[in-house]
Amino acid sequence: MIPFNFEYMKVYTIQEAVSLYQHFLLSGKTPMYFGGGTEIITLGRTSSLFTDAVIDINGIPECNILLEREQKLILGSCISLTQSVYQDSFPLLSKTAIEIADQTARNKISLGGNICSNIRFKEGILPFLITDSNVVIANEGGIREIPIKDAFNEEYQLPAGTLLVQLVVDEEYINAPYYAKKIRTIGTVGYPVISINAIKINGRLKIAVSGISLLPIHEETIDNRLNNRQLAYKDRIKEAIDAWPKPIIDDIQGSADYKKYLLEKNLLEIFQKLEVE
């Protein structure tokens, strides 16, 4: 049971959502955009999250599209993880999304909700980080399309009041050779010890990882070390891990040493499977 009351409003346009958020904020409330609602239930009942004003964005058409246009794939933020799994255009996303939660939960969790969640793993963002995707966002300043890394701050959270409307992926990345793997402590459902995505685009390897640090990691400096053709695979991997931009953490999923071991093992596997030079 959620231990607090909240006001609920459903909106049908982007402008209505953004304006209502600002209205609630100016009224002294703590508003939240609502997609699948699983985060409110999961974190709200443990008092890890609070909101007293919920804005349901599922009625916004732009947030529900899934289409290919002008050699780009456009995914609305409200499509479910189940839809993300069964769409045919972006196999890396399908492979990643099918490993998040279980089928029942995936039916409710929205793609945007996973990416913007307060849960630190945010595995749904990995395919978009390594494909240099754009996002369509909206706030009181208007609607605009910008690179995903310009939209999210270093904690992979949008600024307060900003609505994630769509994710846009270029066709050249969609068709690139890819790798996706999630390793759990036990079973087939749960948070990852490590979740890793990789693609090879124009002969160059790009990786993104969740679980190993407090937040998902994709850094150009890491990619550069992994693509140093002057070194053997194992030496590239050592240099990349030595330069890891955030601490490799101990948590309930696994120790830092175990995560480092899995990272080394999977990076070697990526080199071999994607036939990286």
Protein backbone atom coordinates (compact mmCIF):
# COMPACT_ATOMS: atom_id res chain seq x y z
CA MET A 1 0.00 0.00 0.00
CA ILE A 2 1.25 3.49 -0.86
CA PRO A 3 1.42 5.47 2.42
CA PHE A 4 0.51 8.88 0.94
CA ASN A 5 -2.29 10.51 -1.01
CA PHE A 6 -1.80 12.21 -4.35
CA GLU A 7 -3.75 14.19 -6.87
CA TYR A 8 -4.11 12.46 -10.25
CA MET A 9 -4.55 14.18 -13.61
CA LYS A 10 -4.48 12.67 -17.10
CA VAL A 11 -3.32 14.88 -19.97
CA TYR A 12 -3.58 14.58 -23.73
CA THR A 13 -1.05 17.07 -25.08
CA ILE A 14 2.60 17.80 -24.41
CA GLN A 15 1.84 21.43 -23.60
CA GLU A 16 -0.82 20.41 -21.09
CA ALA A 17 1.59 18.08 -19.32
CA VAL A 18 4.35 20.68 -19.01
CA SER A 19 1.97 23.45 -17.93
CA LEU A 20 0.32 21.23 -15.32
CA TYR A 21 3.71 20.25 -13.90
CA GLN A 22 4.58 23.91 -13.42
CA HIS A 23 1.15 24.61 -11.91
CA PHE A 24 1.60 21.87 -9.33
CA LEU A 25 5.15 23.02 -8.60
CA LEU A 26 4.04 26.61 -8.00
CA SER A 27 1.29 25.28 -5.74
CA GLY A 28 3.91 23.76 -3.44
CA LYS A 29 3.37 20.18 -4.60
CA THR A 30 5.89 17.56 -5.70
CA PRO A 31 4.65 16.54 -9.16
CA MET A 32 5.65 13.47 -11.14
CA TYR A 33 4.99 12.33 -14.70
CA PHE A 34 3.30 8.94 -14.84
CA GLY A 35 3.91 6.33 -17.53
CA GLY A 36 3.56 2.75 -16.36
CA GLY A 37 3.29 3.61 -12.67
CA THR A 38 5.43 0.74 -11.42
CA GLU A 39 8.01 3.03 -9.82
CA ILE A 40 5.38 4.84 -7.75
CA ILE A 41 4.11 1.48 -6.46
CA THR A 42 7.56 -0.06 -5.92
CA LEU A 43 9.33 2.88 -4.29
CA GLY A 44 6.30 4.66 -2.85
CA ARG A 45 5.31 1.82 -0.57
CA THR A 46 8.82 1.75 0.95
CA SER A 47 8.84 5.56 1.35
CA SER A 48 11.77 5.81 -1.09
CA LEU A 49 9.72 8.08 -3.34
CA PHE A 50 7.08 10.72 -2.66
CA THR A 51 4.68 12.59 -4.91
CA ASP A 52 1.43 14.38 -4.18
CA ALA A 53 0.60 15.22 -7.79
CA VAL A 54 0.68 12.61 -10.59
CA ILE A 55 0.45 13.61 -14.26
CA ASP A 56 -0.55 10.66 -16.46
CA ILE A 57 1.04 11.17 -19.90
CA ASN A 58 -0.29 8.00 -21.54
CA GLY A 59 -2.91 9.98 -23.43
CA ILE A 60 -0.30 12.00 -25.36
CA PRO A 61 -0.11 10.64 -28.96
CA GLU A 62 3.52 11.66 -29.47
CA CYS A 63 4.53 9.59 -26.45
CA ASN A 64 2.98 6.42 -27.88
CA ILE A 65 4.39 6.20 -31.39
CA LEU A 66 6.70 3.49 -32.70
CA LEU A 67 7.63 4.09 -36.32
CA GLU A 68 10.40 4.37 -38.88
CA ARG A 69 10.65 7.66 -40.72
CA GLU A 70 13.41 9.22 -42.83
CA GLN A 71 15.88 6.43 -41.94
CA LYS A 72 15.29 6.88 -38.22
CA LEU A 73 13.42 4.83 -35.63
CA ILE A 74 11.21 6.92 -33.33
CA LEU A 75 10.05 5.42 -30.05
CA GLY A 76 7.55 7.16 -27.80
CA SER A 77 8.47 7.27 -24.12
CA CYS A 78 5.18 5.60 -23.11
CA ILE A 79 5.57 2.42 -25.13
CA SER A 80 5.93 -0.53 -22.79
CA LEU A 81 9.03 -2.63 -22.37
CA THR A 82 6.99 -5.46 -23.87
CA GLN A 83 6.51 -3.37 -27.02
CA SER A 84 10.23 -2.63 -26.94
CA VAL A 85 10.94 -6.36 -26.89
CA TYR A 86 8.65 -7.27 -29.76
CA GLN A 87 9.35 -4.41 -32.14
CA ASP A 88 11.36 -5.72 -35.10
CA SER A 89 13.49 -2.70 -35.95
CA PHE A 90 16.02 -2.41 -33.12
CA PRO A 91 17.30 -5.86 -32.05
CA LEU A 92 19.74 -4.48 -29.47
CA LEU A 93 16.86 -2.82 -27.63
CA SER A 94 14.76 -6.00 -27.89
CA LYS A 95 17.55 -8.10 -26.40
CA THR A 96 18.14 -5.61 -23.59
CA ALA A 97 14.48 -5.00 -22.73
CA ILE A 98 13.56 -8.69 -22.51
CA GLU A 99 16.02 -9.05 -19.62
CA ILE A 100 14.39 -6.27 -17.57
CA ALA A 101 11.97 -7.56 -14.89
CA ASP A 102 9.45 -10.27 -15.83
CA GLN A 103 6.75 -10.38 -18.48
CA THR A 104 4.01 -9.08 -16.19
CA ALA A 105 6.10 -6.11 -15.11
CA ARG A 106 7.32 -5.41 -18.65
CA ASN A 107 3.69 -5.09 -19.73
CA LYS A 108 3.40 -2.07 -17.42
CA ILE A 109 6.86 -0.51 -17.29
CA SER A 110 7.26 2.17 -19.96
CA LEU A 111 10.50 2.64 -21.85
CA GLY A 112 10.73 6.25 -20.71
CA GLY A 113 9.85 5.25 -17.17
CA ASN A 114 12.76 2.82 -17.01
CA ILE A 115 15.18 5.38 -18.44
CA CYS A 116 14.00 8.21 -16.16
CA SER A 117 13.48 6.07 -13.07
CA ASN A 118 14.98 6.60 -9.64
CA ILE A 119 16.20 2.99 -9.74
CA ARG A 120 19.89 3.30 -10.51
CA PHE A 121 20.29 0.50 -13.07
CA LYS A 122 18.27 2.16 -15.90
CA GLU A 123 19.15 -0.68 -18.27
CA GLY A 124 16.83 0.67 -20.95
CA ILE A 125 19.16 3.60 -21.57
CA LEU A 126 22.15 1.45 -22.59
CA PRO A 127 21.16 0.84 -26.25
CA PHE A 128 20.52 4.56 -26.74
CA LEU A 129 23.81 5.69 -25.19
CA ILE A 130 25.94 3.63 -27.56
CA THR A 131 23.90 4.51 -30.64
CA ASP A 132 24.35 8.27 -30.14
CA SER A 133 20.58 8.63 -30.06
CA ASN A 134 18.63 11.84 -29.82
CA VAL A 135 15.71 12.53 -27.51
CA VAL A 136 12.72 14.77 -27.93
CA ILE A 137 12.08 16.61 -24.67
CA ALA A 138 9.63 19.26 -23.56
CA ASN A 139 9.62 21.85 -20.81
CA GLU A 140 8.41 25.40 -20.26
CA GLY A 141 10.93 26.51 -22.91
CA GLY A 142 9.28 24.42 -25.63
CA ILE A 143 9.83 21.13 -27.47
CA ARG A 144 13.23 20.25 -28.92
CA GLU A 145 15.33 17.34 -30.15
CA ILE A 146 18.84 17.05 -28.75
CA PRO A 147 21.52 14.36 -28.19
CA ILE A 148 20.66 12.04 -25.31
CA LYS A 149 23.79 12.99 -23.37
CA ASP A 150 22.87 16.68 -23.59
CA ALA A 151 19.41 15.97 -22.22
CA PHE A 152 20.38 14.04 -19.13
CA ASN A 153 22.71 15.33 -16.45
CA GLU A 154 25.61 13.23 -15.21
CA GLU A 155 23.23 11.23 -13.02
CA TYR A 156 21.13 10.35 -16.08
CA GLN A 157 18.19 12.33 -14.78
CA LEU A 158 16.31 14.93 -16.78
CA PRO A 159 16.04 18.35 -15.15
CA ALA A 160 12.91 18.67 -12.99
CA GLY A 161 9.79 19.31 -15.04
CA THR A 162 11.30 18.11 -18.32
CA LEU A 163 9.18 15.54 -20.14
CA LEU A 164 10.83 12.78 -22.18
CA VAL A 165 8.62 12.51 -25.28
CA GLN A 166 10.55 10.33 -27.73
CA LEU A 167 13.83 8.58 -28.44
CA VAL A 168 15.26 8.79 -31.97
CA VAL A 169 17.79 6.28 -33.34
CA ASP A 170 19.59 6.57 -36.67
CA GLU A 171 19.22 3.60 -39.02
CA GLU A 172 22.99 3.03 -39.35
CA TYR A 173 23.21 2.18 -35.66
CA ILE A 174 20.11 -0.01 -35.69
CA ASN A 175 21.69 -2.33 -38.25
CA ALA A 176 25.12 -2.49 -36.62
CA PRO A 177 26.45 -5.77 -35.15
CA TYR A 178 25.64 -5.84 -31.44
CA TYR A 179 26.10 -7.67 -28.14
CA ALA A 180 23.86 -7.59 -25.07
CA LYS A 181 24.19 -9.61 -21.90
CA LYS A 182 22.83 -9.45 -18.36
CA ILE A 183 24.25 -11.44 -15.46
CA ARG A 184 22.30 -11.85 -12.24
CA THR A 185 23.33 -13.31 -8.92
CA ILE A 186 20.66 -16.01 -9.20
CA GLY A 187 17.60 -16.82 -11.28
CA THR A 188 16.22 -15.19 -14.42
CA VAL A 189 14.56 -12.11 -12.89
CA GLY A 190 16.11 -9.30 -10.89
CA TYR A 191 18.65 -6.51 -10.97
CA PRO A 192 21.98 -7.15 -12.67
CA VAL A 193 25.38 -7.79 -11.24
CA ILE A 194 26.37 -6.41 -14.62
CA SER A 195 24.42 -5.58 -17.77
CA ILE A 196 26.45 -4.72 -20.86
CA ASN A 197 25.64 -3.49 -24.37
CA ALA A 198 28.06 -3.16 -27.26
CA ILE A 199 27.93 -2.35 -30.96
CA LYS A 200 30.50 -2.24 -33.73
CA ILE A 201 29.93 0.74 -35.99
CA ASN A 202 32.33 1.53 -38.86
CA GLY A 203 34.77 -0.96 -37.36
CA ARG A 204 34.74 0.81 -33.99
CA LEU A 205 33.53 -0.71 -30.71
CA LYS A 206 31.23 1.20 -28.34
CA ILE A 207 30.10 -0.14 -24.94
CA ALA A 208 27.74 0.83 -22.14
CA VAL A 209 27.46 -0.91 -18.79
CA SER A 210 24.96 -0.92 -15.92
CA GLY A 211 25.34 -2.41 -12.45
CA ILE A 212 29.08 -2.10 -12.09
CA SER A 213 28.95 1.49 -10.80
CA LEU A 214 26.25 3.60 -9.19
CA LEU A 215 24.97 4.68 -12.61
CA PRO A 216 25.11 3.42 -16.20
CA ILE A 217 28.48 4.06 -17.83
CA HIS A 218 29.26 5.09 -21.38
CA GLU A 219 32.38 7.14 -21.88
CA GLU A 220 34.24 7.99 -25.08
CA THR A 221 37.54 7.63 -23.22
CA ILE A 222 36.72 3.99 -22.46
CA ASP A 223 35.75 3.36 -26.09
CA ASN A 224 39.03 4.91 -27.21
CA ARG A 225 41.06 2.54 -25.05
CA LEU A 226 39.12 -0.47 -26.28
CA ASN A 227 39.74 0.57 -29.88
CA ASN A 228 43.51 1.01 -29.52
CA ARG A 229 44.70 -1.37 -32.24
CA GLN A 230 48.30 -1.04 -31.10
CA LEU A 231 47.48 -3.27 -28.10
CA ALA A 232 46.27 -6.83 -27.63
CA TYR A 233 42.71 -7.36 -26.43
CA LYS A 234 43.70 -8.06 -22.82
CA ASP A 235 45.86 -4.95 -22.65
CA ARG A 236 43.06 -2.79 -24.05
CA ILE A 237 40.68 -4.20 -21.46
CA LYS A 238 43.13 -3.54 -18.63
CA GLU A 239 43.62 0.07 -19.76
CA ALA A 240 39.85 0.59 -20.05
CA ILE A 241 39.15 -0.76 -16.56
CA ASP A 242 42.06 1.18 -15.06
CA ALA A 243 40.49 4.33 -16.54
CA TRP A 244 36.96 3.49 -15.42
CA PRO A 245 35.33 6.88 -14.71
CA LYS A 246 33.32 5.87 -11.62
CA PRO A 247 34.13 3.56 -8.70
CA ILE A 248 33.33 -0.11 -9.23
CA ILE A 249 31.08 -0.79 -6.25
CA ASP A 250 30.29 -3.55 -3.77
CA ASP A 251 26.57 -4.11 -3.34
CA ILE A 252 24.05 -6.86 -2.68
CA GLN A 253 24.36 -8.00 -6.30
CA GLY A 254 28.09 -8.74 -6.05
CA SER A 255 31.49 -7.58 -4.89
CA ALA A 256 33.58 -5.05 -6.78
CA ASP A 257 36.16 -7.75 -7.54
CA TYR A 258 33.49 -10.05 -8.96
CA LYS A 259 32.08 -7.25 -11.12
CA LYS A 260 35.54 -6.40 -12.40
CA TYR A 261 36.08 -10.07 -13.28
CA LEU A 262 32.75 -10.19 -15.16
CA LEU A 263 33.57 -6.97 -16.99
CA GLU A 264 36.93 -8.35 -18.13
CA LYS A 265 35.36 -11.65 -19.19
CA ASN A 266 32.53 -10.06 -21.15
CA LEU A 267 34.73 -7.47 -22.85
CA LEU A 268 36.95 -10.26 -24.14
CA GLU A 269 33.86 -12.09 -25.35
CA ILE A 270 32.67 -8.90 -27.11
CA PHE A 271 35.98 -8.55 -28.95
CA GLN A 272 35.74 -12.13 -30.16
CA LYS A 273 32.04 -12.20 -31.08
CA LEU A 274 32.02 -8.84 -32.84
CA GLU A 275 35.37 -9.57 -34.50
CA VAL A 276 36.87 -6.26 -33.44
CA GLU A 277 40.29 -5.55 -34.91
